[in-house]
Amino acid sequence: SCLIDIGWGIRGGGTARTVSRQQFDLFRKWLLQAE
């Protein structure tokens, strides 16, 4: 859950249009660790 929290903190709560490629890549990295 902590790893998920870190990932969503990087992504932010906006729609996909508001998320940069770097944010998305880091978000995915943390969620893959959590998974």
PDB file of all heavy atoms in Angstrom:
ATOM      1  N   SER A   1       0.824  -1.201   0.000  1.00  0.00           N
ATOM      2  CA  SER A   1       0.000   0.000   0.000  1.00  0.00           C
ATOM      3  C   SER A   1       0.863   1.257   0.000  1.00  0.00           C
ATOM      4  O   SER A   1       0.532   2.256  -0.653  1.00  0.00           O
ATOM      5  CB  SER A   1      -0.926  -0.017   1.221  1.00  0.00           C
ATOM      6  OG  SER A   1      -1.808   1.082   1.205  1.00  0.00           O
ATOM      7  N   CYS A   2       1.987   1.203   0.717  1.00  0.00           N
ATOM      8  CA  CYS A   2       2.909   2.338   0.755  1.00  0.00           C
ATOM      9  C   CYS A   2       3.482   2.612  -0.638  1.00  0.00           C
ATOM     10  O   CYS A   2       3.566   3.769  -1.072  1.00  0.00           O
ATOM     11  CB  CYS A   2       4.025   2.043   1.753  1.00  0.00           C
ATOM     12  SG  CYS A   2       5.258   3.347   1.894  1.00  0.00           S
ATOM     13  N   LEU A   3       3.886   1.570  -1.344  1.00  0.00           N
ATOM     14  CA  LEU A   3       4.423   1.727  -2.694  1.00  0.00           C
ATOM     15  C   LEU A   3       3.361   2.307  -3.636  1.00  0.00           C
ATOM     16  O   LEU A   3       3.667   3.143  -4.503  1.00  0.00           O
ATOM     17  CB  LEU A   3       4.927   0.382  -3.222  1.00  0.00           C
ATOM     18  CG  LEU A   3       6.099  -0.243  -2.442  1.00  0.00           C
ATOM     19  CD1 LEU A   3       6.378  -1.650  -2.949  1.00  0.00           C
ATOM     20  CD2 LEU A   3       7.350   0.624  -2.551  1.00  0.00           C
ATOM     21  N   ILE A   4       2.123   1.862  -3.472  1.00  0.00           N
ATOM     22  CA  ILE A   4       1.028   2.417  -4.272  1.00  0.00           C
ATOM     23  C   ILE A   4       0.858   3.901  -3.968  1.00  0.00           C
ATOM     24  O   ILE A   4       0.674   4.728  -4.876  1.00  0.00           O
ATOM     25  CB  ILE A   4      -0.281   1.654  -3.995  1.00  0.00           C
ATOM     26  CG1 ILE A   4      -0.192   0.219  -4.513  1.00  0.00           C
ATOM     27  CG2 ILE A   4      -1.480   2.368  -4.628  1.00  0.00           C
ATOM     28  CD1 ILE A   4      -1.318  -0.682  -4.053  1.00  0.00           C
ATOM     29  N   ASP A   5       0.916   4.252  -2.695  1.00  0.00           N
ATOM     30  CA  ASP A   5       0.756   5.645  -2.282  1.00  0.00           C
ATOM     31  C   ASP A   5       1.837   6.521  -2.904  1.00  0.00           C
ATOM     32  O   ASP A   5       1.565   7.635  -3.370  1.00  0.00           O
ATOM     33  CB  ASP A   5       0.806   5.732  -0.754  1.00  0.00           C
ATOM     34  CG  ASP A   5       0.453   7.111  -0.228  1.00  0.00           C
ATOM     35  OD1 ASP A   5      -0.639   7.610  -0.569  1.00  0.00           O
ATOM     36  OD2 ASP A   5       1.260   7.693   0.516  1.00  0.00           O
ATOM     37  N   ILE A   6       3.061   6.033  -2.931  1.00  0.00           N
ATOM     38  CA  ILE A   6       4.157   6.784  -3.555  1.00  0.00           C
ATOM     39  C   ILE A   6       3.877   6.976  -5.042  1.00  0.00           C
ATOM     40  O   ILE A   6       4.028   8.075  -5.593  1.00  0.00           O
ATOM     41  CB  ILE A   6       5.498   6.058  -3.335  1.00  0.00           C
ATOM     42  CG1 ILE A   6       5.878   6.070  -1.847  1.00  0.00           C
ATOM     43  CG2 ILE A   6       6.605   6.720  -4.164  1.00  0.00           C
ATOM     44  CD1 ILE A   6       7.064   5.194  -1.506  1.00  0.00           C
ATOM     45  N   GLY A   7       3.453   5.893  -5.693  1.00  0.00           N
ATOM     46  CA  GLY A   7       3.179   5.973  -7.124  1.00  0.00           C
ATOM     47  C   GLY A   7       2.078   6.964  -7.462  1.00  0.00           C
ATOM     48  O   GLY A   7       2.230   7.803  -8.354  1.00  0.00           O
ATOM     49  N   TRP A   8       0.951   6.899  -6.720  1.00  0.00           N
ATOM     50  CA  TRP A   8      -0.150   7.815  -6.993  1.00  0.00           C
ATOM     51  C   TRP A   8       0.231   9.255  -6.634  1.00  0.00           C
ATOM     52  O   TRP A   8      -0.244  10.206  -7.261  1.00  0.00           O
ATOM     53  CB  TRP A   8      -1.402   7.394  -6.229  1.00  0.00           C
ATOM     54  CG  TRP A   8      -2.148   6.293  -6.910  1.00  0.00           C
ATOM     55  CD1 TRP A   8      -2.152   4.985  -6.569  1.00  0.00           C
ATOM     56  CD2 TRP A   8      -2.969   6.410  -8.073  1.00  0.00           C
ATOM     57  NE1 TRP A   8      -2.941   4.276  -7.445  1.00  0.00           N
ATOM     58  CE2 TRP A   8      -3.451   5.119  -8.372  1.00  0.00           C
ATOM     59  CE3 TRP A   8      -3.342   7.479  -8.892  1.00  0.00           C
ATOM     60  CZ2 TRP A   8      -4.284   4.866  -9.453  1.00  0.00           C
ATOM     61  CZ3 TRP A   8      -4.191   7.224  -9.977  1.00  0.00           C
ATOM     62  CH2 TRP A   8      -4.654   5.937 -10.238  1.00  0.00           C
ATOM     63  N   GLY A   9       1.109   9.425  -5.642  1.00  0.00           N
ATOM     64  CA  GLY A   9       1.579  10.766  -5.308  1.00  0.00           C
ATOM     65  C   GLY A   9       2.350  11.388  -6.458  1.00  0.00           C
ATOM     66  O   GLY A   9       2.263  12.596  -6.711  1.00  0.00           O
ATOM     67  N   ILE A  10       3.113  10.566  -7.189  1.00  0.00           N
ATOM     68  CA  ILE A  10       3.855  11.046  -8.358  1.00  0.00           C
ATOM     69  C   ILE A  10       2.907  11.339  -9.512  1.00  0.00           C
ATOM     70  O   ILE A  10       3.030  12.354 -10.197  1.00  0.00           O
ATOM     71  CB  ILE A  10       4.907  10.002  -8.777  1.00  0.00           C
ATOM     72  CG1 ILE A  10       5.998   9.887  -7.699  1.00  0.00           C
ATOM     73  CG2 ILE A  10       5.522  10.358 -10.133  1.00  0.00           C
ATOM     74  CD1 ILE A  10       6.916   8.703  -7.875  1.00  0.00           C
ATOM     75  N   ARG A  11       1.950  10.442  -9.725  1.00  0.00           N
ATOM     76  CA  ARG A  11       1.015  10.627 -10.835  1.00  0.00           C
ATOM     77  C   ARG A  11       0.108  11.823 -10.632  1.00  0.00           C
ATOM     78  O   ARG A  11      -0.156  12.596 -11.556  1.00  0.00           O
ATOM     79  CB  ARG A  11       0.156   9.363 -11.020  1.00  0.00           C
ATOM     80  CG  ARG A  11      -0.800   9.454 -12.211  1.00  0.00           C
ATOM     81  CD  ARG A  11      -1.890   8.401 -12.103  1.00  0.00           C
ATOM     82  NE  ARG A  11      -2.792   8.433 -13.238  1.00  0.00           N
ATOM     83  CZ  ARG A  11      -3.800   9.285 -13.399  1.00  0.00           C
ATOM     84  NH1 ARG A  11      -4.028  10.222 -12.480  1.00  0.00           N
ATOM     85  NH2 ARG A  11      -4.586   9.234 -14.466  1.00  0.00           N
ATOM     86  N   GLY A  12      -0.385  11.989  -9.388  1.00  0.00           N
ATOM     87  CA  GLY A  12      -1.379  13.017  -9.131  1.00  0.00           C
ATOM     88  C   GLY A  12      -2.766  12.497  -9.416  1.00  0.00           C
ATOM     89  O   GLY A  12      -2.958  11.413  -9.998  1.00  0.00           O
ATOM     90  N   GLY A  13      -3.763  13.257  -9.014  1.00  0.00           N
ATOM     91  CA  GLY A  13      -5.143  12.810  -9.127  1.00  0.00           C
ATOM     92  C   GLY A  13      -5.876  13.300 -10.357  1.00  0.00           C
ATOM     93  O   GLY A  13      -7.082  13.089 -10.480  1.00  0.00           O
ATOM     94  N   GLY A  14      -5.181  13.938 -11.270  1.00  0.00           N
ATOM     95  CA  GLY A  14      -5.836  14.480 -12.456  1.00  0.00           C
ATOM     96  C   GLY A  14      -6.115  13.427 -13.509  1.00  0.00           C
ATOM     97  O   GLY A  14      -5.778  12.244 -13.361  1.00  0.00           O
ATOM     98  N   THR A  15      -6.718  13.852 -14.609  1.00  0.00           N
ATOM     99  CA  THR A  15      -6.978  12.941 -15.714  1.00  0.00           C
ATOM    100  C   THR A  15      -5.664  12.604 -16.414  1.00  0.00           C
ATOM    101  O   THR A  15      -4.626  13.225 -16.175  1.00  0.00           O
ATOM    102  CB  THR A  15      -7.934  13.588 -16.736  1.00  0.00           C
ATOM    103  OG1 THR A  15      -7.308  14.774 -17.265  1.00  0.00           O
ATOM    104  CG2 THR A  15      -9.250  13.976 -16.078  1.00  0.00           C
ATOM    105  N   ALA A  16      -5.702  11.586 -17.283  1.00  0.00           N
ATOM    106  CA  ALA A  16      -4.493  11.144 -17.977  1.00  0.00           C
ATOM    107  C   ALA A  16      -3.841  12.283 -18.756  1.00  0.00           C
ATOM    108  O   ALA A  16      -2.610  12.330 -18.898  1.00  0.00           O
ATOM    109  CB  ALA A  16      -4.841   9.982 -18.909  1.00  0.00           C
ATOM    110  N   ARG A  17      -4.641  13.225 -19.247  1.00  0.00           N
ATOM    111  CA  ARG A  17      -4.091  14.343 -20.034  1.00  0.00           C
ATOM    112  C   ARG A  17      -3.179  15.236 -19.203  1.00  0.00           C
ATOM    113  O   ARG A  17      -2.339  15.942 -19.753  1.00  0.00           O
ATOM    114  CB  ARG A  17      -5.235  15.185 -20.611  1.00  0.00           C
ATOM    115  CG  ARG A  17      -6.094  14.475 -21.623  1.00  0.00           C
ATOM    116  CD  ARG A  17      -7.020  15.456 -22.334  1.00  0.00           C
ATOM    117  NE  ARG A  17      -7.849  16.197 -21.403  1.00  0.00           N
ATOM    118  CZ  ARG A  17      -9.036  15.773 -20.965  1.00  0.00           C
ATOM    119  NH1 ARG A  17      -9.497  14.602 -21.355  1.00  0.00           N
ATOM    120  NH2 ARG A  17      -9.754  16.506 -20.130  1.00  0.00           N
ATOM    121  N   THR A  18      -3.345  15.220 -17.889  1.00  0.00           N
ATOM    122  CA  THR A  18      -2.550  16.106 -17.025  1.00  0.00           C
ATOM    123  C   THR A  18      -1.271  15.445 -16.536  1.00  0.00           C
ATOM    124  O   THR A  18      -0.490  16.066 -15.819  1.00  0.00           O
ATOM    125  CB  THR A  18      -3.380  16.538 -15.805  1.00  0.00           C
ATOM    126  OG1 THR A  18      -3.617  15.389 -14.958  1.00  0.00           O
ATOM    127  CG2 THR A  18      -4.713  17.140 -16.219  1.00  0.00           C
ATOM    128  N   VAL A  19      -1.020  14.179 -16.921  1.00  0.00           N
ATOM    129  CA  VAL A  19       0.129  13.431 -16.427  1.00  0.00           C
ATOM    130  C   VAL A  19       1.216  13.388 -17.505  1.00  0.00           C
ATOM    131  O   VAL A  19       0.964  12.972 -18.639  1.00  0.00           O
ATOM    132  CB  VAL A  19      -0.285  11.991 -16.034  1.00  0.00           C
ATOM    133  CG1 VAL A  19       0.906  11.234 -15.459  1.00  0.00           C
ATOM    134  CG2 VAL A  19      -1.427  12.020 -15.024  1.00  0.00           C
ATOM    135  N   SER A  20       2.427  13.825 -17.142  1.00  0.00           N
ATOM    136  CA  SER A  20       3.533  13.815 -18.101  1.00  0.00           C
ATOM    137  C   SER A  20       4.042  12.399 -18.303  1.00  0.00           C
ATOM    138  O   SER A  20       3.772  11.496 -17.506  1.00  0.00           O
ATOM    139  CB  SER A  20       4.670  14.705 -17.597  1.00  0.00           C
ATOM    140  OG  SER A  20       5.304  14.112 -16.474  1.00  0.00           O
ATOM    141  N   ARG A  21       4.824  12.201 -19.368  1.00  0.00           N
ATOM    142  CA  ARG A  21       5.402  10.879 -19.632  1.00  0.00           C
ATOM    143  C   ARG A  21       6.316  10.452 -18.492  1.00  0.00           C
ATOM    144  O   ARG A  21       6.307   9.296 -18.066  1.00  0.00           O
ATOM    145  CB  ARG A  21       6.169  10.921 -20.964  1.00  0.00           C
ATOM    146  CG  ARG A  21       7.028   9.695 -21.243  1.00  0.00           C
ATOM    147  CD  ARG A  21       6.306   8.367 -21.099  1.00  0.00           C
ATOM    148  NE  ARG A  21       5.125   8.269 -21.944  1.00  0.00           N
ATOM    149  CZ  ARG A  21       4.317   7.230 -21.971  1.00  0.00           C
ATOM    150  NH1 ARG A  21       4.527   6.210 -21.144  1.00  0.00           N
ATOM    151  NH2 ARG A  21       3.276   7.201 -22.763  1.00  0.00           N
ATOM    152  N   GLN A  22       7.113  11.383 -17.958  1.00  0.00           N
ATOM    153  CA  GLN A  22       7.999  11.044 -16.847  1.00  0.00           C
ATOM    154  C   GLN A  22       7.195  10.637 -15.611  1.00  0.00           C
ATOM    155  O   GLN A  22       7.531   9.654 -14.941  1.00  0.00           O
ATOM    156  CB  GLN A  22       8.906  12.220 -16.502  1.00  0.00           C
ATOM    157  CG  GLN A  22       9.894  11.916 -15.378  1.00  0.00           C
ATOM    158  CD  GLN A  22      10.750  13.110 -15.020  1.00  0.00           C
ATOM    159  OE1 GLN A  22      10.372  14.255 -15.249  1.00  0.00           O
ATOM    160  NE2 GLN A  22      11.914  12.849 -14.439  1.00  0.00           N
ATOM    161  N   GLN A  23       6.140  11.382 -15.326  1.00  0.00           N
ATOM    162  CA  GLN A  23       5.283  11.024 -14.197  1.00  0.00           C
ATOM    163  C   GLN A  23       4.682   9.635 -14.385  1.00  0.00           C
ATOM    164  O   GLN A  23       4.663   8.819 -13.460  1.00  0.00           O
ATOM    165  CB  GLN A  23       4.143  12.036 -14.041  1.00  0.00           C
ATOM    166  CG  GLN A  23       4.516  13.358 -13.396  1.00  0.00           C
ATOM    167  CD  GLN A  23       3.316  14.291 -13.381  1.00  0.00           C
ATOM    168  OE1 GLN A  23       2.837  14.714 -14.440  1.00  0.00           O
ATOM    169  NE2 GLN A  23       2.828  14.601 -12.198  1.00  0.00           N
ATOM    170  N   PHE A  24       4.185   9.383 -15.586  1.00  0.00           N
ATOM    171  CA  PHE A  24       3.547   8.100 -15.845  1.00  0.00           C
ATOM    172  C   PHE A  24       4.538   6.951 -15.704  1.00  0.00           C
ATOM    173  O   PHE A  24       4.222   5.902 -15.132  1.00  0.00           O
ATOM    174  CB  PHE A  24       2.920   8.078 -17.243  1.00  0.00           C
ATOM    175  CG  PHE A  24       2.210   6.798 -17.566  1.00  0.00           C
ATOM    176  CD1 PHE A  24       0.936   6.554 -17.083  1.00  0.00           C
ATOM    177  CD2 PHE A  24       2.837   5.815 -18.319  1.00  0.00           C
ATOM    178  CE1 PHE A  24       0.289   5.352 -17.361  1.00  0.00           C
ATOM    179  CE2 PHE A  24       2.193   4.609 -18.598  1.00  0.00           C
ATOM    180  CZ  PHE A  24       0.922   4.387 -18.117  1.00  0.00           C
ATOM    181  N   ASP A  25       5.767   7.143 -16.216  1.00  0.00           N
ATOM    182  CA  ASP A  25       6.770   6.083 -16.127  1.00  0.00           C
ATOM    183  C   ASP A  25       7.135   5.785 -14.674  1.00  0.00           C
ATOM    184  O   ASP A  25       7.289   4.615 -14.285  1.00  0.00           O
ATOM    185  CB  ASP A  25       8.019   6.482 -16.911  1.00  0.00           C
ATOM    186  CG  ASP A  25       7.804   6.450 -18.423  1.00  0.00           C
ATOM    187  OD1 ASP A  25       6.794   5.851 -18.867  1.00  0.00           O
ATOM    188  OD2 ASP A  25       8.628   7.029 -19.155  1.00  0.00           O
ATOM    189  N   LEU A  26       7.297   6.831 -13.871  1.00  0.00           N
ATOM    190  CA  LEU A  26       7.614   6.623 -12.457  1.00  0.00           C
ATOM    191  C   LEU A  26       6.442   5.993 -11.714  1.00  0.00           C
ATOM    192  O   LEU A  26       6.623   5.120 -10.853  1.00  0.00           O
ATOM    193  CB  LEU A  26       8.007   7.951 -11.806  1.00  0.00           C
ATOM    194  CG  LEU A  26       9.388   8.492 -12.171  1.00  0.00           C
ATOM    195  CD1 LEU A  26       9.555   9.912 -11.652  1.00  0.00           C
ATOM    196  CD2 LEU A  26      10.486   7.589 -11.603  1.00  0.00           C
ATOM    197  N   PHE A  27       5.254   6.450 -12.028  1.00  0.00           N
ATOM    198  CA  PHE A  27       4.038   5.878 -11.443  1.00  0.00           C
ATOM    199  C   PHE A  27       3.978   4.377 -11.706  1.00  0.00           C
ATOM    200  O   PHE A  27       3.771   3.568 -10.788  1.00  0.00           O
ATOM    201  CB  PHE A  27       2.827   6.590 -12.053  1.00  0.00           C
ATOM    202  CG  PHE A  27       1.487   5.947 -11.799  1.00  0.00           C
ATOM    203  CD1 PHE A  27       0.964   5.871 -10.524  1.00  0.00           C
ATOM    204  CD2 PHE A  27       0.735   5.460 -12.854  1.00  0.00           C
ATOM    205  CE1 PHE A  27      -0.286   5.300 -10.291  1.00  0.00           C
ATOM    206  CE2 PHE A  27      -0.511   4.892 -12.645  1.00  0.00           C
ATOM    207  CZ  PHE A  27      -1.016   4.811 -11.351  1.00  0.00           C
ATOM    208  N   ARG A  28       4.201   4.009 -12.945  1.00  0.00           N
ATOM    209  CA  ARG A  28       4.155   2.600 -13.319  1.00  0.00           C
ATOM    210  C   ARG A  28       5.253   1.805 -12.614  1.00  0.00           C
ATOM    211  O   ARG A  28       5.028   0.673 -12.175  1.00  0.00           O
ATOM    212  CB  ARG A  28       4.270   2.464 -14.838  1.00  0.00           C
ATOM    213  CG  ARG A  28       4.119   1.035 -15.323  1.00  0.00           C
ATOM    214  CD  ARG A  28       4.059   0.972 -16.844  1.00  0.00           C
ATOM    215  NE  ARG A  28       3.994  -0.425 -17.276  1.00  0.00           N
ATOM    216  CZ  ARG A  28       2.891  -1.142 -17.306  1.00  0.00           C
ATOM    217  NH1 ARG A  28       1.740  -0.612 -16.929  1.00  0.00           N
ATOM    218  NH2 ARG A  28       2.911  -2.405 -17.703  1.00  0.00           N
ATOM    219  N   LYS A  29       6.424   2.401 -12.484  1.00  0.00           N
ATOM    220  CA  LYS A  29       7.539   1.721 -11.812  1.00  0.00           C
ATOM    221  C   LYS A  29       7.179   1.364 -10.372  1.00  0.00           C
ATOM    222  O   LYS A  29       7.394   0.231  -9.932  1.00  0.00           O
ATOM    223  CB  LYS A  29       8.776   2.630 -11.838  1.00  0.00           C
ATOM    224  CG  LYS A  29       9.945   2.109 -11.022  1.00  0.00           C
ATOM    225  CD  LYS A  29      11.059   3.154 -10.940  1.00  0.00           C
ATOM    226  CE  LYS A  29      12.127   2.721  -9.942  1.00  0.00           C
ATOM    227  NZ  LYS A  29      13.180   3.767  -9.773  1.00  0.00           N
ATOM    228  N   TRP A  30       6.613   2.337  -9.649  1.00  0.00           N
ATOM    229  CA  TRP A  30       6.248   2.083  -8.252  1.00  0.00           C
ATOM    230  C   TRP A  30       5.120   1.072  -8.141  1.00  0.00           C
ATOM    231  O   TRP A  30       5.105   0.214  -7.258  1.00  0.00           O
ATOM    232  CB  TRP A  30       5.878   3.384  -7.551  1.00  0.00           C
ATOM    233  CG  TRP A  30       7.073   4.213  -7.204  1.00  0.00           C
ATOM    234  CD1 TRP A  30       7.556   5.293  -7.880  1.00  0.00           C
ATOM    235  CD2 TRP A  30       7.966   4.011  -6.096  1.00  0.00           C
ATOM    236  NE1 TRP A  30       8.690   5.784  -7.268  1.00  0.00           N
ATOM    237  CE2 TRP A  30       8.955   5.023  -6.167  1.00  0.00           C
ATOM    238  CE3 TRP A  30       8.027   3.098  -5.058  1.00  0.00           C
ATOM    239  CZ2 TRP A  30       9.989   5.134  -5.234  1.00  0.00           C
ATOM    240  CZ3 TRP A  30       9.044   3.198  -4.122  1.00  0.00           C
ATOM    241  CH2 TRP A  30      10.010   4.197  -4.222  1.00  0.00           C
ATOM    242  N   LEU A  31       4.152   1.148  -9.057  1.00  0.00           N
ATOM    243  CA  LEU A  31       3.042   0.196  -8.999  1.00  0.00           C
ATOM    244  C   LEU A  31       3.479  -1.216  -9.361  1.00  0.00           C
ATOM    245  O   LEU A  31       2.948  -2.184  -8.808  1.00  0.00           O
ATOM    246  CB  LEU A  31       1.891   0.653  -9.898  1.00  0.00           C
ATOM    247  CG  LEU A  31       0.727   1.297  -9.118  1.00  0.00           C
ATOM    248  CD1 LEU A  31       1.168   2.573  -8.434  1.00  0.00           C
ATOM    249  CD2 LEU A  31      -0.466   1.547 -10.017  1.00  0.00           C
ATOM    250  N   LEU A  32       4.447  -1.338 -10.248  1.00  0.00           N
ATOM    251  CA  LEU A  32       4.959  -2.667 -10.554  1.00  0.00           C
ATOM    252  C   LEU A  32       5.667  -3.273  -9.343  1.00  0.00           C
ATOM    253  O   LEU A  32       5.562  -4.481  -9.090  1.00  0.00           O
ATOM    254  CB  LEU A  32       5.908  -2.607 -11.763  1.00  0.00           C
ATOM    255  CG  LEU A  32       5.224  -2.443 -13.124  1.00  0.00           C
ATOM    256  CD1 LEU A  32       6.259  -2.134 -14.204  1.00  0.00           C
ATOM    257  CD2 LEU A  32       4.433  -3.694 -13.488  1.00  0.00           C
ATOM    258  N   GLN A  33       6.383  -2.446  -8.595  1.00  0.00           N
ATOM    259  CA  GLN A  33       6.990  -2.919  -7.354  1.00  0.00           C
ATOM    260  C   GLN A  33       5.915  -3.384  -6.375  1.00  0.00           C
ATOM    261  O   GLN A  33       6.046  -4.432  -5.733  1.00  0.00           O
ATOM    262  CB  GLN A  33       7.831  -1.817  -6.714  1.00  0.00           C
ATOM    263  CG  GLN A  33       9.099  -1.452  -7.455  1.00  0.00           C
ATOM    264  CD  GLN A  33       9.891  -0.393  -6.685  1.00  0.00           C
ATOM    265  OE1 GLN A  33      10.241  -0.570  -5.525  1.00  0.00           O
ATOM    266  NE2 GLN A  33      10.155   0.724  -7.343  1.00  0.00           N
ATOM    267  N   ALA A  34       4.873  -2.566  -6.249  1.00  0.00           N
ATOM    268  CA  ALA A  34       3.773  -2.926  -5.349  1.00  0.00           C
ATOM    269  C   ALA A  34       3.117  -4.221  -5.788  1.00  0.00           C
ATOM    270  O   ALA A  34       2.808  -5.091  -4.958  1.00  0.00           O
ATOM    271  CB  ALA A  34       2.740  -1.795  -5.308  1.00  0.00           C
ATOM    272  N   GLU A  35       2.900  -4.368  -7.077  1.00  0.00           N
ATOM    273  CA  GLU A  35       2.258  -5.577  -7.596  1.00  0.00           C
ATOM    274  C   GLU A  35       3.077  -6.816  -7.253  1.00  0.00           C
ATOM    275  O   GLU A  35       2.521  -7.858  -6.883  1.00  0.00           O
ATOM    276  CB  GLU A  35       2.081  -5.446  -9.117  1.00  0.00           C
ATOM    277  CG  GLU A  35       1.542  -6.676  -9.807  1.00  0.00           C
ATOM    278  CD  GLU A  35       0.054  -6.924  -9.578  1.00  0.00           C
ATOM    279  OE1 GLU A  35      -0.567  -6.228  -8.752  1.00  0.00           O
ATOM    280  OE2 GLU A  35      -0.493  -7.839 -10.217  1.00  0.00           O
TER     281      GLU A  35
END
